[in-house]
Amino acid sequence: MSFQGYLKTIKTKTGKGPEDFRQLAREKGFTSEGVLKSEVKAGEITKWLAEDFSLGQGHAMAIYALLKGTKNENSD
């Protein structure tokens, strides 16, 4: 699945897009000034997304990549 495919499926399943998850991550204390805090690990993000949104590993890792800055809304 392409990165855009992951984002589309996440939006369909949760009703939330990348900016929504960035805001939620800020509220949870995972990010600071738009950057994922260095002490926040992928496992914390995937656990949060599984518990709160029932996202599987692949979809949660797509959100992690967004928060980490390795991918963005225009990535393939």
Protein backbone atom coordinates (compact mmCIF):
# COMPACT_ATOMS: atom_id res chain seq x y z
CA MET A 1 0.00 0.00 0.00
CA SER A 2 1.30 3.47 -0.80
CA PHE A 3 1.70 6.07 1.90
CA GLN A 4 -1.22 7.99 0.40
CA GLY A 5 -3.27 4.79 0.58
CA TYR A 6 -2.50 4.52 4.29
CA LEU A 7 -3.56 8.13 4.89
CA LYS A 8 -6.79 7.65 2.94
CA THR A 9 -7.67 4.50 4.88
CA ILE A 10 -6.85 6.20 8.20
CA LYS A 11 -9.08 9.16 7.30
CA THR A 12 -11.93 6.83 6.30
CA LYS A 13 -11.60 4.75 9.48
CA THR A 14 -11.09 7.58 12.00
CA GLY A 15 -12.43 10.69 10.30
CA LYS A 16 -9.08 12.33 11.06
CA GLY A 17 -6.32 13.56 8.79
CA PRO A 18 -2.64 14.35 9.33
CA GLU A 19 -3.20 17.73 10.96
CA ASP A 20 -5.72 16.22 13.37
CA PHE A 21 -3.16 13.64 14.49
CA ARG A 22 -0.49 16.32 14.85
CA GLN A 23 -2.84 18.27 17.13
CA LEU A 24 -3.73 15.18 19.16
CA ALA A 25 -0.04 14.29 19.53
CA ARG A 26 0.61 17.83 20.81
CA GLU A 27 -2.21 17.47 23.33
CA LYS A 28 -0.81 14.09 24.47
CA GLY A 29 2.63 15.65 24.97
CA PHE A 30 4.31 13.58 22.27
CA THR A 31 5.50 16.61 20.31
CA SER A 32 6.97 19.98 21.06
CA GLU A 33 6.93 22.85 18.57
CA GLY A 34 5.75 20.47 15.87
CA VAL A 35 8.58 17.97 16.41
CA LEU A 36 8.31 14.51 17.93
CA LYS A 37 10.14 14.52 21.24
CA SER A 38 13.29 12.39 21.13
CA GLU A 39 12.20 10.29 24.10
CA VAL A 40 8.93 9.27 22.39
CA LYS A 41 9.31 5.88 20.77
CA ALA A 42 7.31 4.29 17.99
CA GLY A 43 5.79 1.79 20.43
CA GLU A 44 4.17 4.57 22.44
CA ILE A 45 2.58 6.05 19.33
CA THR A 46 1.37 2.71 17.99
CA LYS A 47 -0.09 1.77 21.39
CA TRP A 48 -1.94 5.11 21.62
CA LEU A 49 -3.33 4.79 18.09
CA ALA A 50 -4.36 1.17 18.62
CA GLU A 51 -6.15 1.97 21.88
CA ASP A 52 -7.82 5.21 20.82
CA PHE A 53 -8.46 4.58 17.11
CA SER A 54 -8.12 0.81 16.59
CA LEU A 55 -5.35 1.37 14.04
CA GLY A 56 -3.15 -1.57 13.16
CA GLN A 57 0.64 -1.53 13.16
CA GLY A 58 1.10 -0.37 9.54
CA HIS A 59 -1.38 2.47 9.78
CA ALA A 60 -0.05 3.57 13.16
CA MET A 61 3.49 3.59 11.78
CA ALA A 62 2.30 5.86 8.97
CA ILE A 63 1.14 8.37 11.59
CA TYR A 64 4.43 7.91 13.45
CA ALA A 65 6.29 8.74 10.22
CA LEU A 66 4.22 11.91 9.90
CA LEU A 67 4.92 12.94 13.47
CA LYS A 68 8.61 12.12 13.13
CA GLY A 69 8.83 14.12 9.90
CA THR A 70 10.10 11.33 7.67
CA LYS A 71 6.89 11.50 5.64
CA ASN A 72 4.37 14.24 4.90
CA GLU A 73 0.96 14.56 3.28
CA ASN A 74 2.59 14.62 -0.19
CA SER A 75 4.78 11.54 0.25
CA ASP A 76 4.21 8.55 -2.02
